[in-house]
Amino acid sequence: MTRDFVWGVLGAAKIGEKVVPALQAGAGMRVGAIASRDEGRARADAERYGVAKAYGAYEALLADPEIDGVYNPLPNDLHVSWSIRAMEAGKHVLCEKPIALTAAEAERLREAQVRTGRLVVEAFMVRHHPQWIEARERVRSGALGELRAIQTAFSFYNDDPTNIRNRPENGGGGLYDIGCYAINTARFLFEAEPERVIGLFDMDPQMGVDRLTSGLMLFSGGRQASFVCSTQLVPTQRVTILGTQARLVVEVPFNAPPDRDLRIVEDPGTDLFGEAAQATVLPATDQYARQAEAFVARVAAGGGADTGPIEDAIANMRVIDALFRSRESGALERVG
């Protein structure tokens, strides 16, 4: 019997409240160490989650021979540098989104993966939730007719200037933080890359980050995906998938709770009140645990030889790059 895959966690980020228990709960894995530049925080988190080791430096965790893989939830501007250092230390890396601040930065991760033979994956946990797998199967089956458009709304309210999401020097702003989900899931459903995009940005005048961003992505054949994301609006999230014969609504598309069933609703549009709509219930699932299990399976199947995940991450960053270019040009920008 092979031993468990042992995770190390870089930093004491708030998202660890969701991810660390999932890493502990995933089959065939456990968390062996947590590191923080504040050793007291590392010790507190290690005690909280029942983790044996706490380090007061990221370097110490990377030097630990017991650690097989690293979960990297550090601020966005530190994703690339510390993911590369982890791979160079012989660790596989699951890195929070966005995996980089530009596609060129993400390509450095591909180079490091090829050089070190260690896997690096962007942590879009939503792709592992049964509701998104079911949604894509319905698109593929033709149940919605021809998929023509996707509409996404995702927002929360946070105007704290000290929060990492509101600091431009750390890669803050709505597009990086949550708009990336709309891009990723549209690409997941269309199973294609957008050709041209345009973005509209409202920048916070004090903090200098985008607080309200809308984007339009044009795919081949006239297909479209649009989104609005905001860090200063009432909290909401919803995805509507529009085909020629029916629409599918993903009601809680991104922050799916691990302890509640979810619904996706298919509606043939025979009336404006949804009388013919049919809901499908998806059982409660920890999408973070599923993501971790899929990661470990990829490692077991070939690790750094599997370049698919990093290529997908680079493709997502190319769309973000083009949207930022459109902010400056005010025009449609080609992706790539």
C-alpha atoms as a PDB file:
ATOM      1  CA  MET A   1       0.000   0.000   0.000  1.00  0.00           C
ATOM      2  CA  THR A   2       1.427   3.373  -0.989  1.00  0.00           C
ATOM      3  CA  ARG A   3       1.659   6.139   1.567  1.00  0.00           C
ATOM      4  CA  ASP A   4      -0.565   9.217   1.605  1.00  0.00           C
ATOM      5  CA  PHE A   5       0.277  12.225  -0.543  1.00  0.00           C
ATOM      6  CA  VAL A   6       1.493  14.893   1.885  1.00  0.00           C
ATOM      7  CA  TRP A   7       0.569  18.534   1.336  1.00  0.00           C
ATOM      8  CA  GLY A   8       2.324  21.644   2.565  1.00  0.00           C
ATOM      9  CA  VAL A   9       0.424  24.944   2.715  1.00  0.00           C
ATOM     10  CA  LEU A  10       2.186  28.239   2.019  1.00  0.00           C
ATOM     11  CA  GLY A  11       0.700  31.065   4.063  1.00  0.00           C
ATOM     12  CA  ALA A  12      -2.231  31.442   6.422  1.00  0.00           C
ATOM     13  CA  ALA A  13      -4.691  32.877   3.890  1.00  0.00           C
ATOM     14  CA  LYS A  14      -8.397  33.033   4.749  1.00  0.00           C
ATOM     15  CA  ILE A  15      -9.244  30.659   1.907  1.00  0.00           C
ATOM     16  CA  GLY A  16      -7.421  28.030   3.930  1.00  0.00           C
ATOM     17  CA  GLU A  17     -10.589  27.758   6.007  1.00  0.00           C
ATOM     18  CA  LYS A  18     -12.152  26.002   2.999  1.00  0.00           C
ATOM     19  CA  VAL A  19      -9.159  24.344   1.416  1.00  0.00           C
ATOM     20  CA  VAL A  20      -7.103  22.934   4.300  1.00  0.00           C
ATOM     21  CA  PRO A  21      -9.985  20.803   5.688  1.00  0.00           C
ATOM     22  CA  ALA A  22     -10.629  19.605   2.124  1.00  0.00           C
ATOM     23  CA  LEU A  23      -6.994  18.598   1.718  1.00  0.00           C
ATOM     24  CA  GLN A  24      -7.304  16.704   4.987  1.00  0.00           C
ATOM     25  CA  ALA A  25     -10.536  15.026   3.881  1.00  0.00           C
ATOM     26  CA  GLY A  26      -9.425  14.020   0.397  1.00  0.00           C
ATOM     27  CA  ALA A  27      -8.807  10.333  -0.148  1.00  0.00           C
ATOM     28  CA  GLY A  28      -5.165   9.260   0.080  1.00  0.00           C
ATOM     29  CA  MET A  29      -3.784  12.563   1.315  1.00  0.00           C
ATOM     30  CA  ARG A  30      -3.097  14.660   4.378  1.00  0.00           C
ATOM     31  CA  VAL A  31      -1.620  18.037   5.279  1.00  0.00           C
ATOM     32  CA  GLY A  32       1.835  17.671   6.791  1.00  0.00           C
ATOM     33  CA  ALA A  33       2.864  21.279   7.371  1.00  0.00           C
ATOM     34  CA  ILE A  34       1.743  24.909   7.255  1.00  0.00           C
ATOM     35  CA  ALA A  35       4.165  27.808   6.788  1.00  0.00           C
ATOM     36  CA  SER A  36       3.742  31.525   7.399  1.00  0.00           C
ATOM     37  CA  ARG A  37       6.145  34.417   7.695  1.00  0.00           C
ATOM     38  CA  ASP A  38       4.495  34.830  11.094  1.00  0.00           C
ATOM     39  CA  GLU A  39       5.348  31.617  12.918  1.00  0.00           C
ATOM     40  CA  GLY A  40       2.643  32.304  15.474  1.00  0.00           C
ATOM     41  CA  ARG A  41      -0.020  32.288  12.748  1.00  0.00           C
ATOM     42  CA  ALA A  42       1.423  29.094  11.300  1.00  0.00           C
ATOM     43  CA  ARG A  43       1.277  27.422  14.703  1.00  0.00           C
ATOM     44  CA  ALA A  44      -2.275  28.630  15.308  1.00  0.00           C
ATOM     45  CA  ASP A  45      -3.464  27.265  11.953  1.00  0.00           C
ATOM     46  CA  ALA A  46      -1.593  23.995  12.428  1.00  0.00           C
ATOM     47  CA  GLU A  47      -3.260  23.496  15.806  1.00  0.00           C
ATOM     48  CA  ARG A  48      -6.645  24.485  14.413  1.00  0.00           C
ATOM     49  CA  TYR A  49      -6.496  21.923  11.599  1.00  0.00           C
ATOM     50  CA  GLY A  50      -4.577  19.202  13.410  1.00  0.00           C
ATOM     51  CA  VAL A  51      -1.440  19.591  11.298  1.00  0.00           C
ATOM     52  CA  ALA A  52       1.771  18.249  12.820  1.00  0.00           C
ATOM     53  CA  LYS A  53       4.301  20.853  11.664  1.00  0.00           C
ATOM     54  CA  ALA A  54       4.358  24.662  11.517  1.00  0.00           C
ATOM     55  CA  TYR A  55       7.128  26.720   9.946  1.00  0.00           C
ATOM     56  CA  GLY A  56       7.937  30.410  10.280  1.00  0.00           C
ATOM     57  CA  ALA A  57       9.381  30.583   6.756  1.00  0.00           C
ATOM     58  CA  TYR A  58       8.192  29.303   3.376  1.00  0.00           C
ATOM     59  CA  GLU A  59      11.718  28.106   2.622  1.00  0.00           C
ATOM     60  CA  ALA A  60      11.624  25.758   5.619  1.00  0.00           C
ATOM     61  CA  LEU A  61       8.474  24.069   4.343  1.00  0.00           C
ATOM     62  CA  LEU A  62       9.960  23.658   0.861  1.00  0.00           C
ATOM     63  CA  ALA A  63      13.025  22.023   2.413  1.00  0.00           C
ATOM     64  CA  ASP A  64      10.883  19.447   4.236  1.00  0.00           C
ATOM     65  CA  PRO A  65      11.490  16.093   2.483  1.00  0.00           C
ATOM     66  CA  GLU A  66       8.134  14.717   3.655  1.00  0.00           C
ATOM     67  CA  ILE A  67       6.145  17.242   1.590  1.00  0.00           C
ATOM     68  CA  ASP A  68       5.037  15.981  -1.834  1.00  0.00           C
ATOM     69  CA  GLY A  69       2.968  18.922  -3.000  1.00  0.00           C
ATOM     70  CA  VAL A  70       2.356  22.539  -2.121  1.00  0.00           C
ATOM     71  CA  TYR A  71      -0.902  24.465  -2.031  1.00  0.00           C
ATOM     72  CA  ASN A  72      -0.095  28.106  -2.848  1.00  0.00           C
ATOM     73  CA  PRO A  73      -2.764  30.637  -1.746  1.00  0.00           C
ATOM     74  CA  LEU A  74      -0.325  33.547  -1.396  1.00  0.00           C
ATOM     75  CA  PRO A  75      -1.170  37.024  -2.772  1.00  0.00           C
ATOM     76  CA  ASN A  76      -1.538  37.045  -6.552  1.00  0.00           C
ATOM     77  CA  ASP A  77       1.794  38.753  -7.185  1.00  0.00           C
ATOM     78  CA  LEU A  78       3.612  35.939  -5.349  1.00  0.00           C
ATOM     79  CA  HIS A  79       2.015  33.021  -7.178  1.00  0.00           C
ATOM     80  CA  VAL A  80       4.623  32.615  -9.888  1.00  0.00           C
ATOM     81  CA  SER A  81       7.776  33.150  -7.844  1.00  0.00           C
ATOM     82  CA  TRP A  82       6.852  30.801  -5.000  1.00  0.00           C
ATOM     83  CA  SER A  83       5.340  28.173  -7.297  1.00  0.00           C
ATOM     84  CA  ILE A  84       8.613  28.064  -9.215  1.00  0.00           C
ATOM     85  CA  ARG A  85      10.597  27.826  -5.987  1.00  0.00           C
ATOM     86  CA  ALA A  86       8.370  24.969  -4.860  1.00  0.00           C
ATOM     87  CA  MET A  87       8.864  23.073  -8.125  1.00  0.00           C
ATOM     88  CA  GLU A  88      12.614  23.624  -7.938  1.00  0.00           C
ATOM     89  CA  ALA A  89      12.464  22.128  -4.433  1.00  0.00           C
ATOM     90  CA  GLY A  90      10.864  19.001  -5.894  1.00  0.00           C
ATOM     91  CA  LYS A  91       7.249  19.767  -4.971  1.00  0.00           C
ATOM     92  CA  HIS A  92       4.163  19.605  -7.157  1.00  0.00           C
ATOM     93  CA  VAL A  93       2.047  22.788  -6.955  1.00  0.00           C
ATOM     94  CA  LEU A  94      -1.657  23.543  -6.757  1.00  0.00           C
ATOM     95  CA  CYS A  95      -1.776  27.342  -7.090  1.00  0.00           C
ATOM     96  CA  GLU A  96      -4.712  29.627  -6.406  1.00  0.00           C
ATOM     97  CA  LYS A  97      -6.225  31.607  -9.235  1.00  0.00           C
ATOM     98  CA  PRO A  98      -5.175  33.710 -11.007  1.00  0.00           C
ATOM     99  CA  ILE A  99      -2.070  31.600 -11.455  1.00  0.00           C
ATOM    100  CA  ALA A 100      -0.151  34.695 -12.633  1.00  0.00           C
ATOM    101  CA  LEU A 101      -0.714  38.362 -13.448  1.00  0.00           C
ATOM    102  CA  THR A 102      -0.009  37.929 -17.181  1.00  0.00           C
ATOM    103  CA  ALA A 103       0.186  35.101 -19.681  1.00  0.00           C
ATOM    104  CA  ALA A 104       3.923  35.741 -20.017  1.00  0.00           C
ATOM    105  CA  GLU A 105       4.320  35.123 -16.280  1.00  0.00           C
ATOM    106  CA  ALA A 106       2.277  31.929 -16.569  1.00  0.00           C
ATOM    107  CA  GLU A 107       4.572  30.741 -19.343  1.00  0.00           C
ATOM    108  CA  ARG A 108       7.439  30.884 -16.833  1.00  0.00           C
ATOM    109  CA  LEU A 109       5.550  28.245 -14.861  1.00  0.00           C
ATOM    110  CA  ARG A 110       5.329  26.033 -17.944  1.00  0.00           C
ATOM    111  CA  GLU A 111       9.092  26.361 -18.409  1.00  0.00           C
ATOM    112  CA  ALA A 112       9.636  25.443 -14.755  1.00  0.00           C
ATOM    113  CA  GLN A 113       7.333  22.449 -15.050  1.00  0.00           C
ATOM    114  CA  VAL A 114       9.200  21.104 -18.069  1.00  0.00           C
ATOM    115  CA  ARG A 115      12.552  21.751 -16.398  1.00  0.00           C
ATOM    116  CA  THR A 116      11.712  20.214 -13.014  1.00  0.00           C
ATOM    117  CA  GLY A 117       9.241  17.511 -13.975  1.00  0.00           C
ATOM    118  CA  ARG A 118       6.827  18.780 -11.326  1.00  0.00           C
ATOM    119  CA  LEU A 119       3.129  19.409 -11.971  1.00  0.00           C
ATOM    120  CA  VAL A 120       1.618  22.884 -11.583  1.00  0.00           C
ATOM    121  CA  VAL A 121      -2.164  23.372 -11.718  1.00  0.00           C
ATOM    122  CA  GLU A 122      -4.383  26.446 -11.344  1.00  0.00           C
ATOM    123  CA  ALA A 123      -6.974  25.932  -8.597  1.00  0.00           C
ATOM    124  CA  PHE A 124     -10.285  26.347 -10.419  1.00  0.00           C
ATOM    125  CA  MET A 125     -12.169  24.027  -8.090  1.00  0.00           C
ATOM    126  CA  VAL A 126     -15.506  24.676  -9.815  1.00  0.00           C
ATOM    127  CA  ARG A 127     -14.568  22.425 -12.738  1.00  0.00           C
ATOM    128  CA  HIS A 128     -14.616  19.481 -10.338  1.00  0.00           C
ATOM    129  CA  HIS A 129     -18.103  20.105  -8.971  1.00  0.00           C
ATOM    130  CA  PRO A 130     -20.797  17.737 -10.311  1.00  0.00           C
ATOM    131  CA  GLN A 131     -23.019  20.681 -11.287  1.00  0.00           C
ATOM    132  CA  TRP A 132     -20.458  21.930 -13.815  1.00  0.00           C
ATOM    133  CA  ILE A 133     -19.740  18.442 -15.097  1.00  0.00           C
ATOM    134  CA  GLU A 134     -23.486  17.932 -15.560  1.00  0.00           C
ATOM    135  CA  ALA A 135     -23.864  21.333 -17.257  1.00  0.00           C
ATOM    136  CA  ARG A 136     -21.175  20.516 -19.793  1.00  0.00           C
ATOM    137  CA  GLU A 137     -22.674  17.087 -20.463  1.00  0.00           C
ATOM    138  CA  ARG A 138     -26.021  18.702 -21.245  1.00  0.00           C
ATOM    139  CA  VAL A 139     -24.342  21.089 -23.659  1.00  0.00           C
ATOM    140  CA  ARG A 140     -22.483  18.211 -25.307  1.00  0.00           C
ATOM    141  CA  SER A 141     -25.619  16.071 -25.559  1.00  0.00           C
ATOM    142  CA  GLY A 142     -27.550  18.774 -27.409  1.00  0.00           C
ATOM    143  CA  ALA A 143     -30.184  18.992 -24.672  1.00  0.00           C
ATOM    144  CA  LEU A 144     -30.056  22.800 -24.932  1.00  0.00           C
ATOM    145  CA  GLY A 145     -29.863  22.816 -28.712  1.00  0.00           C
ATOM    146  CA  GLU A 146     -26.860  24.727 -30.005  1.00  0.00           C
ATOM    147  CA  LEU A 147     -25.008  26.620 -27.286  1.00  0.00           C
ATOM    148  CA  ARG A 148     -24.923  30.267 -28.348  1.00  0.00           C
ATOM    149  CA  ALA A 149     -24.457  32.464 -25.267  1.00  0.00           C
ATOM    150  CA  ILE A 150     -23.440  32.435 -21.615  1.00  0.00           C
ATOM    151  CA  GLN A 151     -24.209  35.187 -19.098  1.00  0.00           C
ATOM    152  CA  THR A 152     -22.427  35.386 -15.743  1.00  0.00           C
ATOM    153  CA  ALA A 153     -22.864  37.655 -12.732  1.00  0.00           C
ATOM    154  CA  PHE A 154     -20.514  37.453  -9.732  1.00  0.00           C
ATOM    155  CA  SER A 155     -20.122  40.091  -7.026  1.00  0.00           C
ATOM    156  CA  PHE A 156     -19.443  40.798  -3.367  1.00  0.00           C
ATOM    157  CA  TYR A 157     -18.890  43.937  -1.294  1.00  0.00           C
ATOM    158  CA  ASN A 158     -15.441  44.737   0.099  1.00  0.00           C
ATOM    159  CA  ASP A 159     -14.176  48.335   0.234  1.00  0.00           C
ATOM    160  CA  ASP A 160     -11.454  47.738   2.840  1.00  0.00           C
ATOM    161  CA  PRO A 161      -8.278  49.390   1.467  1.00  0.00           C
ATOM    162  CA  THR A 162      -6.075  47.095   3.562  1.00  0.00           C
ATOM    163  CA  ASN A 163      -7.601  43.950   2.067  1.00  0.00           C
ATOM    164  CA  ILE A 164      -5.289  42.154  -0.352  1.00  0.00           C
ATOM    165  CA  ARG A 165      -8.040  42.133  -3.010  1.00  0.00           C
ATOM    166  CA  ASN A 166      -8.004  45.931  -3.053  1.00  0.00           C
ATOM    167  CA  ARG A 167      -4.263  46.461  -3.406  1.00  0.00           C
ATOM    168  CA  PRO A 168      -3.064  46.925  -6.995  1.00  0.00           C
ATOM    169  CA  GLU A 169       0.545  46.140  -6.100  1.00  0.00           C
ATOM    170  CA  ASN A 170      -0.575  42.638  -5.088  1.00  0.00           C
ATOM    171  CA  GLY A 171      -2.727  42.006  -8.159  1.00  0.00           C
ATOM    172  CA  GLY A 172      -6.028  43.103  -6.655  1.00  0.00           C
ATOM    173  CA  GLY A 173      -9.263  43.971  -8.414  1.00  0.00           C
ATOM    174  CA  GLY A 174     -12.419  42.248  -9.568  1.00  0.00           C
ATOM    175  CA  LEU A 175     -11.218  40.802 -12.873  1.00  0.00           C
ATOM    176  CA  TYR A 176      -8.291  38.953 -11.319  1.00  0.00           C
ATOM    177  CA  ASP A 177     -10.272  37.818  -8.285  1.00  0.00           C
ATOM    178  CA  ILE A 178     -13.648  36.720  -9.659  1.00  0.00           C
ATOM    179  CA  GLY A 179     -13.924  37.689 -13.332  1.00  0.00           C
ATOM    180  CA  CYS A 180     -11.443  34.895 -13.998  1.00  0.00           C
ATOM    181  CA  TYR A 181     -14.174  32.394 -13.054  1.00  0.00           C
ATOM    182  CA  ALA A 182     -16.511  33.702 -15.754  1.00  0.00           C
ATOM    183  CA  ILE A 183     -13.731  33.355 -18.316  1.00  0.00           C
ATOM    184  CA  ASN A 184     -12.742  29.894 -17.168  1.00  0.00           C
ATOM    185  CA  THR A 185     -16.255  28.439 -17.092  1.00  0.00           C
ATOM    186  CA  ALA A 186     -17.182  29.932 -20.479  1.00  0.00           C
ATOM    187  CA  ARG A 187     -14.113  28.300 -22.012  1.00  0.00           C
ATOM    188  CA  PHE A 188     -15.043  25.063 -20.179  1.00  0.00           C
ATOM    189  CA  LEU A 189     -18.545  25.003 -21.656  1.00  0.00           C
ATOM    190  CA  PHE A 190     -17.711  26.152 -25.195  1.00  0.00           C
ATOM    191  CA  GLU A 191     -14.601  23.921 -25.165  1.00  0.00           C
ATOM    192  CA  ALA A 192     -12.932  26.630 -27.214  1.00  0.00           C
ATOM    193  CA  GLU A 193     -10.975  29.839 -26.848  1.00  0.00           C
ATOM    194  CA  PRO A 194     -12.495  33.289 -27.410  1.00  0.00           C
ATOM    195  CA  GLU A 195     -11.135  35.076 -30.462  1.00  0.00           C
ATOM    196  CA  ARG A 196     -11.785  38.680 -29.434  1.00  0.00           C
ATOM    197  CA  VAL A 197     -12.817  40.403 -26.205  1.00  0.00           C
ATOM    198  CA  ILE A 198     -13.708  43.820 -24.858  1.00  0.00           C
ATOM    199  CA  GLY A 199     -13.923  44.993 -21.263  1.00  0.00           C
ATOM    200  CA  LEU A 200     -15.498  47.965 -19.497  1.00  0.00           C
ATOM    201  CA  PHE A 201     -13.835  48.925 -16.224  1.00  0.00           C
ATOM    202  CA  ASP A 202     -14.869  51.186 -13.365  1.00  0.00           C
ATOM    203  CA  MET A 203     -11.803  51.849 -11.218  1.00  0.00           C
ATOM    204  CA  ASP A 204     -11.972  52.729  -7.543  1.00  0.00           C
ATOM    205  CA  PRO A 205     -10.499  56.260  -7.422  1.00  0.00           C
ATOM    206  CA  GLN A 206      -8.822  55.748  -4.038  1.00  0.00           C
ATOM    207  CA  MET A 207      -7.606  52.156  -4.253  1.00  0.00           C
ATOM    208  CA  GLY A 208      -6.788  52.007  -7.958  1.00  0.00           C
ATOM    209  CA  VAL A 209      -8.331  48.583  -8.635  1.00  0.00           C
ATOM    210  CA  ASP A 210     -11.294  47.647 -10.833  1.00  0.00           C
ATOM    211  CA  ARG A 211     -14.398  47.528  -8.668  1.00  0.00           C
ATOM    212  CA  LEU A 212     -16.923  46.910 -11.484  1.00  0.00           C
ATOM    213  CA  THR A 213     -15.935  45.173 -14.699  1.00  0.00           C
ATOM    214  CA  SER A 214     -18.007  43.875 -17.587  1.00  0.00           C
ATOM    215  CA  GLY A 215     -16.594  41.736 -20.337  1.00  0.00           C
ATOM    216  CA  LEU A 216     -17.727  40.361 -23.670  1.00  0.00           C
ATOM    217  CA  MET A 217     -15.971  37.362 -25.204  1.00  0.00           C
ATOM    218  CA  LEU A 218     -16.575  36.496 -28.849  1.00  0.00           C
ATOM    219  CA  PHE A 219     -16.085  32.877 -29.887  1.00  0.00           C
ATOM    220  CA  SER A 220     -16.117  31.427 -33.382  1.00  0.00           C
ATOM    221  CA  GLY A 221     -19.437  31.200 -35.187  1.00  0.00           C
ATOM    222  CA  GLY A 222     -20.854  34.281 -33.483  1.00  0.00           C
ATOM    223  CA  ARG A 223     -21.071  32.637 -30.052  1.00  0.00           C
ATOM    224  CA  GLN A 224     -20.758  34.980 -27.087  1.00  0.00           C
ATOM    225  CA  ALA A 225     -20.092  34.950 -23.364  1.00  0.00           C
ATOM    226  CA  SER A 226     -20.662  38.043 -21.249  1.00  0.00           C
ATOM    227  CA  PHE A 227     -20.064  38.758 -17.594  1.00  0.00           C
ATOM    228  CA  VAL A 228     -20.260  41.406 -14.934  1.00  0.00           C
ATOM    229  CA  CYS A 229     -18.113  41.151 -11.820  1.00  0.00           C
ATOM    230  CA  SER A 230     -17.762  43.536  -8.919  1.00  0.00           C
ATOM    231  CA  THR A 231     -16.030  43.847  -5.568  1.00  0.00           C
ATOM    232  CA  GLN A 232     -18.439  46.593  -4.466  1.00  0.00           C
ATOM    233  CA  LEU A 233     -21.937  45.345  -5.214  1.00  0.00           C
ATOM    234  CA  VAL A 234     -24.498  43.280  -3.366  1.00  0.00           C
ATOM    235  CA  PRO A 235     -23.245  39.677  -3.155  1.00  0.00           C
ATOM    236  CA  THR A 236     -24.629  37.558  -5.969  1.00  0.00           C
ATOM    237  CA  GLN A 237     -23.629  34.844  -8.396  1.00  0.00           C
ATOM    238  CA  ARG A 238     -25.521  33.229 -11.249  1.00  0.00           C
ATOM    239  CA  VAL A 239     -24.700  31.684 -14.628  1.00  0.00           C
ATOM    240  CA  THR A 240     -27.250  31.363 -17.431  1.00  0.00           C
ATOM    241  CA  ILE A 241     -26.353  29.057 -20.328  1.00  0.00           C
ATOM    242  CA  LEU A 242     -28.413  29.819 -23.432  1.00  0.00           C
ATOM    243  CA  GLY A 243     -29.013  27.353 -26.224  1.00  0.00           C
ATOM    244  CA  THR A 244     -31.336  27.433 -29.222  1.00  0.00           C
ATOM    245  CA  GLN A 245     -33.826  25.087 -27.525  1.00  0.00           C
ATOM    246  CA  ALA A 246     -33.414  25.631 -23.774  1.00  0.00           C
ATOM    247  CA  ARG A 247     -31.534  27.543 -21.128  1.00  0.00           C
ATOM    248  CA  LEU A 248     -29.748  26.155 -18.104  1.00  0.00           C
ATOM    249  CA  VAL A 249     -29.270  28.174 -14.917  1.00  0.00           C
ATOM    250  CA  VAL A 250     -26.489  27.335 -12.469  1.00  0.00           C
ATOM    251  CA  GLU A 251     -27.845  28.897  -9.304  1.00  0.00           C
ATOM    252  CA  VAL A 252     -24.751  28.819  -7.045  1.00  0.00           C
ATOM    253  CA  PRO A 253     -22.000  28.418  -9.608  1.00  0.00           C
ATOM    254  CA  PHE A 254     -18.816  29.303  -7.754  1.00  0.00           C
ATOM    255  CA  ASN A 255     -18.993  29.319  -3.935  1.00  0.00           C
ATOM    256  CA  ALA A 256     -20.803  25.987  -3.738  1.00  0.00           C
ATOM    257  CA  PRO A 257     -21.103  25.023  -0.048  1.00  0.00           C
ATOM    258  CA  PRO A 258     -19.843  21.522   0.785  1.00  0.00           C
ATOM    259  CA  ASP A 259     -22.797  20.713   3.041  1.00  0.00           C
ATOM    260  CA  ARG A 260     -25.827  21.679   0.933  1.00  0.00           C
ATOM    261  CA  ASP A 261     -27.443  20.200  -2.145  1.00  0.00           C
ATOM    262  CA  LEU A 262     -27.492  22.460  -5.204  1.00  0.00           C
ATOM    263  CA  ARG A 263     -29.799  22.855  -8.184  1.00  0.00           C
ATOM    264  CA  ILE A 264     -29.378  23.509 -11.850  1.00  0.00           C
ATOM    265  CA  VAL A 265     -32.551  24.470 -13.670  1.00  0.00           C
ATOM    266  CA  GLU A 266     -33.337  23.709 -17.308  1.00  0.00           C
ATOM    267  CA  ASP A 267     -36.104  25.718 -18.985  1.00  0.00           C
ATOM    268  CA  PRO A 268     -37.359  25.259 -22.573  1.00  0.00           C
ATOM    269  CA  GLY A 269     -38.687  28.821 -22.505  1.00  0.00           C
ATOM    270  CA  THR A 270     -42.263  27.957 -23.427  1.00  0.00           C
ATOM    271  CA  ASP A 271     -43.512  30.742 -21.142  1.00  0.00           C
ATOM    272  CA  LEU A 272     -41.999  33.726 -19.392  1.00  0.00           C
ATOM    273  CA  PHE A 273     -42.734  32.413 -15.902  1.00  0.00           C
ATOM    274  CA  GLY A 274     -40.745  29.186 -16.126  1.00  0.00           C
ATOM    275  CA  GLU A 275     -43.735  26.900 -15.704  1.00  0.00           C
ATOM    276  CA  ALA A 276     -41.996  24.172 -17.715  1.00  0.00           C
ATOM    277  CA  ALA A 277     -38.652  24.508 -15.943  1.00  0.00           C
ATOM    278  CA  GLN A 278     -37.192  21.361 -14.393  1.00  0.00           C
ATOM    279  CA  ALA A 279     -34.662  21.386 -11.587  1.00  0.00           C
ATOM    280  CA  THR A 280     -31.960  18.788 -11.086  1.00  0.00           C
ATOM    281  CA  VAL A 281     -30.582  18.414  -7.570  1.00  0.00           C
ATOM    282  CA  LEU A 282     -26.875  17.744  -7.204  1.00  0.00           C
ATOM    283  CA  PRO A 283     -25.853  16.240  -3.852  1.00  0.00           C
ATOM    284  CA  ALA A 284     -23.646  18.173  -1.458  1.00  0.00           C
ATOM    285  CA  THR A 285     -20.024  17.953  -2.576  1.00  0.00           C
ATOM    286  CA  ASP A 286     -16.757  19.430  -1.350  1.00  0.00           C
ATOM    287  CA  GLN A 287     -15.393  20.770  -4.623  1.00  0.00           C
ATOM    288  CA  TYR A 288     -12.050  21.561  -2.997  1.00  0.00           C
ATOM    289  CA  ALA A 289     -11.602  17.938  -1.920  1.00  0.00           C
ATOM    290  CA  ARG A 290     -12.495  16.738  -5.420  1.00  0.00           C
ATOM    291  CA  GLN A 291      -9.984  19.167  -6.861  1.00  0.00           C
ATOM    292  CA  ALA A 292      -7.253  17.857  -4.550  1.00  0.00           C
ATOM    293  CA  GLU A 293      -8.060  14.247  -5.417  1.00  0.00           C
ATOM    294  CA  ALA A 294      -7.896  15.044  -9.133  1.00  0.00           C
ATOM    295  CA  PHE A 295      -4.549  16.770  -8.593  1.00  0.00           C
ATOM    296  CA  VAL A 296      -3.072  13.785  -6.767  1.00  0.00           C
ATOM    297  CA  ALA A 297      -4.364  11.473  -9.513  1.00  0.00           C
ATOM    298  CA  ARG A 298      -2.594  13.630 -12.118  1.00  0.00           C
ATOM    299  CA  VAL A 299       0.623  13.424 -10.133  1.00  0.00           C
ATOM    300  CA  ALA A 300       0.313   9.638  -9.967  1.00  0.00           C
ATOM    301  CA  ALA A 301      -0.372   9.458 -13.716  1.00  0.00           C
ATOM    302  CA  GLY A 302       2.713  11.367 -14.794  1.00  0.00           C
ATOM    303  CA  GLY A 303       3.209  14.592 -12.899  1.00  0.00           C
ATOM    304  CA  GLY A 304       5.246  17.091 -14.852  1.00  0.00           C
ATOM    305  CA  ALA A 305       4.713  15.238 -18.129  1.00  0.00           C
ATOM    306  CA  ASP A 306       1.067  16.382 -18.014  1.00  0.00           C
ATOM    307  CA  THR A 307       1.245  19.918 -19.430  1.00  0.00           C
ATOM    308  CA  GLY A 308      -2.500  20.204 -20.081  1.00  0.00           C
ATOM    309  CA  PRO A 309      -3.376  22.088 -16.879  1.00  0.00           C
ATOM    310  CA  ILE A 310      -0.689  24.763 -17.286  1.00  0.00           C
ATOM    311  CA  GLU A 311      -1.599  25.263 -20.942  1.00  0.00           C
ATOM    312  CA  ASP A 312      -5.201  25.832 -19.868  1.00  0.00           C
ATOM    313  CA  ALA A 313      -4.061  28.331 -17.234  1.00  0.00           C
ATOM    314  CA  ILE A 314      -1.983  30.215 -19.795  1.00  0.00           C
ATOM    315  CA  ALA A 315      -5.004  30.354 -22.125  1.00  0.00           C
ATOM    316  CA  ASN A 316      -7.143  31.855 -19.345  1.00  0.00           C
ATOM    317  CA  MET A 317      -4.485  34.486 -18.669  1.00  0.00           C
ATOM    318  CA  ARG A 318      -4.372  35.423 -22.372  1.00  0.00           C
ATOM    319  CA  VAL A 319      -8.049  36.370 -22.152  1.00  0.00           C
ATOM    320  CA  ILE A 320      -7.420  38.482 -19.041  1.00  0.00           C
ATOM    321  CA  ASP A 321      -4.480  40.172 -20.796  1.00  0.00           C
ATOM    322  CA  ALA A 322      -6.689  41.054 -23.758  1.00  0.00           C
ATOM    323  CA  LEU A 323      -9.410  42.465 -21.510  1.00  0.00           C
ATOM    324  CA  PHE A 324      -6.872  44.726 -19.800  1.00  0.00           C
ATOM    325  CA  ARG A 325      -5.593  45.831 -23.216  1.00  0.00           C
ATOM    326  CA  SER A 326      -9.133  46.754 -24.208  1.00  0.00           C
ATOM    327  CA  ARG A 327      -9.357  49.004 -21.146  1.00  0.00           C
ATOM    328  CA  GLU A 328      -6.613  51.097 -22.702  1.00  0.00           C
ATOM    329  CA  SER A 329      -7.708  50.894 -26.344  1.00  0.00           C
ATOM    330  CA  GLY A 330     -11.473  51.049 -25.825  1.00  0.00           C
ATOM    331  CA  ALA A 331     -11.822  48.491 -28.606  1.00  0.00           C
ATOM    332  CA  LEU A 332     -12.164  44.791 -29.216  1.00  0.00           C
ATOM    333  CA  GLU A 333      -8.831  43.067 -28.712  1.00  0.00           C
ATOM    334  CA  ARG A 334      -7.659  39.788 -30.176  1.00  0.00           C
ATOM    335  CA  VAL A 335      -6.793  37.073 -27.682  1.00  0.00           C
ATOM    336  CA  GLY A 336      -3.257  35.767 -27.822  1.00  0.00           C
END
